Amino acid sequence: MAGVDAGGGDRMALAVLAQYRMATTEQMHLILNPGVRIEQTRRRPAKLRAEGLIDRITLPQAGRTRVWFPTQYGVQVACEWPELRGRRPSKTVSDRTAVRLRAGHALTVTETGLAFLQDARRRGELCRPLDWIPEVYHPIGNGEAVIPDALLYYRRGRDGGEGAMLRAFVEVDRATMGPERLAAKLTAYARLYHYVPAPTPGRRQRLAGAEPLQEEWRRHYPLFPRLLFVLDGTGPAGIETRIRALRAAAADPALTGFLRNVPVLVAPLIEVLQGGPAEPVWHPVRDPGSTVSWSHSPGLDTPRAAPAHRGAAAAHHPDHRPDHSWSERWAAS
């Protein structure tokens, strides 16, 4: 029927929570309804909670901020929709204790996705709320898998005009693991880049002339997504240490083919949030002395020299990060 929402706004709100795992009221407002008063946004999750589709916890150490997450019933309902078909929600996505313990990292991942979404809106480019997909499972054999914090779909160029589709694996690091463990993720992504699944045991020998087996990722992407490391939870010195660790890992000859074909960039979260992800705040891991936009294509775009003191802008902030970054406030509880 013309003019009837038929629950479209409620449906999108539930879909976002089922996909993102969790979000604060403010994040929900900026993701879904930035053009209306936040009071209007607050009524929607309250309604969905009354219907048993979502629930909330309160973070007393973050100004009693409310964090919304889907219930098991909400996940069941949302994952039947075409836009979420094939998603693998976490088994603990509806557990209140698990939500509380994961809130610091998950809300930072949501904040990172929101930065790309808002930047696309400012630029008239295309990145919708469901184009940010956390925790997509990618097998690499022997029961192991690469699970990026998020997979991003983004279309450059004005909506309706010509443009390029970009995809990115995003790793949000809050300095909870050592620099070496962070750098080891480069090797894991290189394994994914080269991984070719073995033929199913017991199947007949492939006929001569049949197409050869191909890398697993080609079943899902026409090009391997670029890899973005977003660093938070530490000051400028910690950022420098982690960039150096990634640079050292990138010098491994075994990664040469992967790094030749896949842009791998790293940036402090505070700079991504302050200037927007499209600004040249990203350091190529093989050339950390320069900065580029996250959509940089080697050979086509010209890097610019990085400031003499990376993270200098962040250092002017008393916590070395913006107030809406969750790492410090959550860790201080």
Protein backbone atom coordinates (compact mmCIF):
# COMPACT_ATOMS: atom_id res chain seq x y z
CA MET A 1 0.00 0.00 0.00
CA ALA A 2 1.36 3.40 -0.97
CA GLY A 3 2.47 5.62 1.90
CA VAL A 4 2.67 2.81 4.46
CA ASP A 5 6.07 2.12 6.08
CA ALA A 6 5.00 -1.43 6.99
CA GLY A 7 7.75 -1.56 9.62
CA GLY A 8 10.59 -0.62 7.27
CA GLY A 9 12.33 1.52 9.88
CA ASP A 10 11.97 -1.15 12.55
CA ARG A 11 13.23 -3.77 10.13
CA MET A 12 16.38 -1.79 9.32
CA ALA A 13 17.07 -1.09 12.99
CA LEU A 14 16.85 -4.79 13.84
CA ALA A 15 18.91 -5.75 10.77
CA VAL A 16 21.68 -3.33 11.79
CA LEU A 17 21.82 -4.68 15.34
CA ALA A 18 21.77 -8.30 14.15
CA GLN A 19 24.64 -7.55 11.74
CA TYR A 20 26.72 -5.13 13.85
CA ARG A 21 26.21 -7.18 17.07
CA MET A 22 25.64 -4.07 19.19
CA ALA A 23 25.41 -0.26 19.08
CA THR A 24 24.73 2.63 21.42
CA THR A 25 21.66 4.82 21.06
CA GLU A 26 23.80 7.59 19.55
CA GLN A 27 25.39 5.19 17.06
CA MET A 28 21.97 3.84 16.07
CA HIS A 29 20.80 7.41 15.53
CA LEU A 30 23.75 8.31 13.29
CA ILE A 31 23.55 5.04 11.34
CA LEU A 32 19.80 5.11 10.73
CA ASN A 33 18.28 8.56 11.22
CA PRO A 34 20.90 11.35 11.31
CA GLY A 35 18.45 13.86 9.86
CA VAL A 36 15.87 13.64 12.65
CA ARG A 37 15.90 14.48 16.34
CA ILE A 38 17.55 11.82 18.47
CA GLU A 39 14.35 11.60 20.57
CA GLN A 40 12.65 10.01 17.56
CA THR A 41 15.42 7.44 17.31
CA ARG A 42 15.14 6.56 21.01
CA ARG A 43 11.52 5.49 20.59
CA ARG A 44 12.35 2.81 18.01
CA PRO A 45 14.66 0.59 20.11
CA ALA A 46 12.30 0.97 23.05
CA LYS A 47 9.52 -0.39 20.85
CA LEU A 48 11.64 -3.27 19.54
CA ARG A 49 12.64 -4.14 23.11
CA ALA A 50 9.00 -4.27 24.16
CA GLU A 51 8.42 -6.73 21.32
CA GLY A 52 11.24 -8.97 22.54
CA LEU A 53 13.43 -8.40 19.46
CA ILE A 54 16.28 -6.50 21.13
CA ASP A 55 17.60 -5.87 24.63
CA ARG A 56 20.07 -3.50 26.27
CA ILE A 57 22.77 -3.17 28.89
CA THR A 58 23.95 0.01 30.58
CA LEU A 59 27.60 1.00 30.84
CA PRO A 60 27.99 2.96 34.08
CA GLN A 61 31.62 3.82 33.32
CA ALA A 62 30.59 5.47 30.03
CA GLY A 63 28.05 7.91 31.43
CA ARG A 64 25.39 5.20 31.81
CA THR A 65 25.35 4.73 28.06
CA ARG A 66 22.79 2.26 26.76
CA VAL A 67 24.06 -0.46 24.45
CA TRP A 68 21.49 -2.28 22.33
CA PHE A 69 21.84 -5.82 21.01
CA PRO A 70 19.48 -8.37 19.39
CA THR A 71 17.81 -11.12 21.38
CA GLN A 72 17.91 -14.71 20.17
CA TYR A 73 14.39 -14.18 18.82
CA GLY A 74 15.50 -10.99 17.07
CA VAL A 75 18.45 -12.76 15.43
CA GLN A 76 16.16 -15.57 14.30
CA VAL A 77 13.72 -13.12 12.73
CA ALA A 78 16.37 -10.92 11.06
CA CYS A 79 18.44 -13.78 9.61
CA GLU A 80 15.43 -14.98 7.61
CA TRP A 81 15.46 -11.75 5.58
CA PRO A 82 17.20 -11.75 2.17
CA GLU A 83 19.57 -8.92 3.12
CA LEU A 84 20.99 -10.97 6.02
CA ARG A 85 20.80 -14.42 4.48
CA GLY A 86 24.03 -16.34 4.90
CA ARG A 87 25.22 -14.30 7.89
CA ARG A 88 26.82 -16.20 10.76
CA PRO A 89 25.88 -14.32 13.94
CA SER A 90 27.98 -15.03 17.00
CA LYS A 91 26.56 -17.70 19.31
CA THR A 92 26.87 -15.24 22.19
CA VAL A 93 25.45 -12.22 20.38
CA SER A 94 22.34 -12.32 22.61
CA ASP A 95 24.08 -13.11 25.90
CA ARG A 96 24.09 -10.10 28.24
CA THR A 97 27.37 -11.04 29.93
CA ALA A 98 29.11 -11.65 26.60
CA VAL A 99 27.79 -8.32 25.31
CA ARG A 100 29.16 -6.52 28.37
CA LEU A 101 32.59 -8.13 28.04
CA ARG A 102 32.80 -7.51 24.28
CA ALA A 103 31.40 -3.98 24.34
CA GLY A 104 34.74 -2.16 24.23
CA HIS A 105 35.91 -3.79 21.01
CA ALA A 106 32.52 -4.20 19.33
CA LEU A 107 31.50 -0.57 19.87
CA THR A 108 34.85 0.60 18.49
CA VAL A 109 34.27 -1.54 15.39
CA THR A 110 30.79 0.00 15.06
CA GLU A 111 32.30 3.48 15.43
CA THR A 112 34.80 2.70 12.69
CA GLY A 113 32.05 1.54 10.34
CA LEU A 114 30.06 4.66 11.14
CA ALA A 115 33.02 6.80 10.05
CA PHE A 116 32.94 5.24 6.56
CA LEU A 117 29.15 5.54 6.38
CA GLN A 118 29.16 9.23 7.33
CA ASP A 119 32.04 9.98 4.97
CA ALA A 120 30.15 8.42 2.06
CA ARG A 121 27.11 10.56 2.86
CA ARG A 122 29.21 13.74 2.92
CA ARG A 123 30.79 12.87 -0.41
CA GLY A 124 27.62 11.71 -2.12
CA GLU A 125 29.07 8.23 -2.52
CA LEU A 126 27.42 4.90 -1.79
CA CYS A 127 27.88 3.04 1.47
CA ARG A 128 24.68 1.89 3.16
CA PRO A 129 24.34 0.69 6.77
CA LEU A 130 24.36 -2.99 5.78
CA ASP A 131 27.51 -2.54 3.66
CA TRP A 132 29.52 -2.88 6.90
CA ILE A 133 29.58 -6.58 7.79
CA PRO A 134 31.41 -7.68 10.95
CA GLU A 135 33.10 -11.05 11.39
CA VAL A 136 32.80 -12.70 7.98
CA TYR A 137 34.25 -16.22 8.09
CA HIS A 138 36.94 -17.10 5.51
CA PRO A 139 38.45 -20.63 5.75
CA ILE A 140 42.17 -21.13 5.12
CA GLY A 141 42.34 -24.92 5.61
CA ASN A 142 43.10 -27.27 8.51
CA GLY A 143 40.09 -25.98 10.40
CA GLU A 144 41.53 -22.47 10.55
CA ALA A 145 39.93 -19.28 9.28
CA VAL A 146 40.48 -15.57 8.84
CA ILE A 147 37.68 -13.54 10.40
CA PRO A 148 38.19 -9.79 9.88
CA ASP A 149 36.57 -7.42 12.33
CA ALA A 150 34.55 -6.16 9.37
CA LEU A 151 34.13 -6.40 5.63
CA LEU A 152 33.36 -3.08 3.94
CA TYR A 153 31.59 -2.52 0.61
CA TYR A 154 31.94 1.01 -0.75
CA ARG A 155 31.18 2.55 -4.14
CA ARG A 156 33.19 5.59 -5.15
CA GLY A 157 31.64 8.29 -7.31
CA ARG A 158 28.29 10.00 -7.17
CA ASP A 159 25.26 7.78 -6.71
CA GLY A 160 23.77 7.11 -10.15
CA GLY A 161 26.99 8.00 -11.97
CA GLU A 162 30.10 6.10 -12.87
CA GLY A 163 32.22 4.80 -10.02
CA ALA A 164 34.39 1.98 -8.74
CA MET A 165 33.33 -0.63 -6.21
CA LEU A 166 35.84 -1.02 -3.39
CA ARG A 167 35.99 -3.76 -0.78
CA ALA A 168 38.11 -3.83 2.34
CA PHE A 169 38.89 -6.15 5.20
CA VAL A 170 39.10 -4.00 8.34
CA GLU A 171 41.04 -4.96 11.47
CA VAL A 172 40.42 -2.76 14.51
CA ASP A 173 43.29 -3.09 17.00
CA ARG A 174 42.81 -1.66 20.51
CA ALA A 175 46.33 -2.51 21.73
CA THR A 176 45.04 -5.53 23.67
CA MET A 177 47.58 -7.80 21.94
CA GLY A 178 51.30 -7.34 21.36
CA PRO A 179 52.60 -5.73 18.16
CA GLU A 180 53.98 -9.08 16.96
CA ARG A 181 50.55 -10.74 17.18
CA LEU A 182 49.03 -7.84 15.29
CA ALA A 183 51.69 -8.11 12.59
CA ALA A 184 51.10 -11.88 12.32
CA LYS A 185 47.70 -11.11 10.83
CA LEU A 186 49.50 -10.13 7.63
CA THR A 187 50.62 -13.75 7.27
CA ALA A 188 47.08 -14.99 7.90
CA TYR A 189 45.68 -12.76 5.15
CA ALA A 190 48.45 -13.88 2.79
CA ARG A 191 47.39 -17.47 3.49
CA LEU A 192 43.81 -16.54 2.62
CA TYR A 193 45.03 -14.89 -0.58
CA HIS A 194 46.77 -18.09 -1.72
CA TYR A 195 44.42 -20.68 -0.22
CA VAL A 196 42.97 -23.18 -2.72
CA PRO A 197 40.55 -25.71 -1.19
CA ALA A 198 41.46 -29.35 -1.74
CA PRO A 199 39.02 -31.39 -3.86
CA THR A 200 36.37 -33.21 -1.86
CA PRO A 201 37.67 -36.71 -0.97
CA GLY A 202 36.03 -39.51 -2.94
CA ARG A 203 35.03 -37.41 -5.92
CA ARG A 204 35.87 -38.64 -9.39
CA GLN A 205 39.11 -37.47 -10.99
CA ARG A 206 38.62 -34.14 -12.71
CA LEU A 207 38.25 -34.50 -16.46
CA ALA A 208 41.08 -33.31 -18.71
CA GLY A 209 40.45 -29.77 -19.87
CA ALA A 210 38.26 -28.89 -16.89
CA GLU A 211 38.87 -25.54 -15.21
CA PRO A 212 41.61 -25.73 -12.57
CA LEU A 213 40.82 -25.22 -8.91
CA GLN A 214 41.01 -21.58 -7.85
CA GLU A 215 41.53 -19.62 -4.66
CA GLU A 216 38.62 -19.72 -2.24
CA TRP A 217 38.24 -15.93 -2.09
CA ARG A 218 37.47 -15.73 -5.82
CA ARG A 219 34.11 -17.36 -5.14
CA HIS A 220 33.09 -14.20 -3.27
CA TYR A 221 35.10 -11.25 -4.65
CA PRO A 222 36.24 -10.25 -8.15
CA LEU A 223 39.34 -8.72 -6.52
CA PHE A 224 40.88 -9.51 -3.15
CA PRO A 225 39.69 -6.78 -0.74
CA ARG A 226 42.28 -4.29 0.44
CA LEU A 227 43.36 -4.66 4.08
CA LEU A 228 42.97 -1.79 6.54
CA PHE A 229 44.41 -1.77 10.07
CA VAL A 230 42.80 0.79 12.39
CA LEU A 231 44.78 1.44 15.59
CA ASP A 232 43.27 2.62 18.86
CA GLY A 233 43.79 2.26 22.60
CA THR A 234 47.29 3.75 22.70
CA GLY A 235 49.05 7.08 22.21
CA PRO A 236 51.39 8.24 19.41
CA ALA A 237 54.36 6.17 20.64
CA GLY A 238 52.24 3.00 20.70
CA ILE A 239 50.92 3.77 17.23
CA GLU A 240 54.51 4.12 15.97
CA THR A 241 55.50 0.79 17.52
CA ARG A 242 52.61 -1.04 15.89
CA ILE A 243 53.24 0.52 12.49
CA ARG A 244 56.90 -0.52 12.73
CA ALA A 245 55.85 -4.08 13.59
CA LEU A 246 53.62 -4.24 10.53
CA ARG A 247 56.42 -2.79 8.41
CA ALA A 248 58.85 -5.43 9.66
CA ALA A 249 56.35 -8.21 8.93
CA ALA A 250 55.82 -6.82 5.42
CA ALA A 251 59.53 -7.32 4.69
CA ASP A 252 59.06 -11.11 4.74
CA PRO A 253 59.80 -12.36 1.18
CA ALA A 254 56.94 -14.85 1.53
CA LEU A 255 54.50 -11.93 1.54
CA THR A 256 55.87 -10.22 -1.57
CA GLY A 257 53.24 -11.52 -3.99
CA PHE A 258 50.38 -10.75 -1.61
CA LEU A 259 51.57 -7.21 -0.87
CA ARG A 260 52.26 -6.51 -4.54
CA ASN A 261 48.61 -7.13 -5.41
CA VAL A 262 46.73 -6.09 -2.26
CA PRO A 263 46.94 -2.59 -0.72
CA VAL A 264 47.59 -2.90 3.02
CA LEU A 265 47.21 0.35 4.97
CA VAL A 266 47.27 1.39 8.62
CA ALA A 267 45.87 4.48 10.37
CA PRO A 268 45.16 5.72 13.91
CA LEU A 269 41.44 5.66 14.66
CA ILE A 270 41.47 9.21 15.97
CA GLU A 271 42.70 10.52 12.60
CA VAL A 272 40.13 8.43 10.73
CA LEU A 273 37.37 9.92 12.90
CA GLN A 274 38.62 13.50 12.88
CA GLY A 275 39.26 13.99 9.17
CA GLY A 276 37.23 11.13 7.72
CA PRO A 277 38.61 7.89 6.27
CA ALA A 278 38.94 9.35 2.76
CA GLU A 279 41.63 11.77 3.96
CA PRO A 280 45.31 10.81 3.46
CA VAL A 281 45.80 9.49 7.00
CA TRP A 282 46.67 5.89 5.98
CA HIS A 283 50.23 4.58 5.94
CA PRO A 284 51.10 1.85 3.40
CA VAL A 285 52.79 -0.92 5.39
CA ARG A 286 55.63 -1.08 2.86
CA ASP A 287 56.10 2.70 2.89
CA PRO A 288 55.01 3.97 6.31
CA GLY A 289 56.79 7.28 5.69
CA SER A 290 54.00 8.33 3.30
CA THR A 291 50.25 8.72 3.68
CA VAL A 292 47.40 7.99 1.27
CA SER A 293 43.62 7.74 1.23
CA TRP A 294 42.19 4.33 2.09
CA SER A 295 41.01 4.03 -1.52
CA HIS A 296 44.57 4.54 -2.79
CA SER A 297 45.52 2.35 -5.77
CA PRO A 298 49.30 1.82 -6.16
CA GLY A 299 50.55 3.08 -9.50
CA LEU A 300 47.52 5.32 -10.01
CA ASP A 301 47.55 7.62 -6.97
CA THR A 302 50.54 9.54 -5.63
CA PRO A 303 51.31 9.10 -1.91
CA ARG A 304 52.22 12.18 0.07
CA ALA A 305 54.92 12.44 2.72
CA ALA A 306 53.70 11.72 6.23
CA PRO A 307 54.06 14.43 8.92
CA ALA A 308 57.34 14.34 10.80
CA HIS A 309 55.52 13.22 13.94
CA ARG A 310 52.73 10.78 13.16
CA GLY A 311 49.84 11.11 15.54
CA ALA A 312 50.80 14.68 16.45
CA ALA A 313 47.22 15.82 15.97
CA ALA A 314 46.05 13.10 18.33
CA ALA A 315 48.56 14.18 20.96
CA HIS A 316 46.70 17.46 21.47
CA HIS A 317 43.71 15.53 22.77
CA PRO A 318 44.02 14.76 26.52
CA ASP A 319 43.31 11.06 25.96
CA HIS A 320 44.99 10.83 22.53
CA ARG A 321 41.60 9.87 21.05
CA PRO A 322 38.16 11.43 20.50
CA ASP A 323 35.52 11.31 23.23
CA HIS A 324 33.38 8.84 21.28
CA SER A 325 36.15 6.24 20.96
CA TRP A 326 35.30 3.47 23.39
CA SER A 327 38.66 1.96 24.18
CA GLU A 328 39.86 4.22 26.99
CA ARG A 329 36.57 4.66 28.81
CA TRP A 330 35.80 0.94 28.77
CA ALA A 331 39.32 -0.07 29.84
CA ALA A 332 39.22 2.41 32.72
CA SER A 333 36.23 0.69 34.35
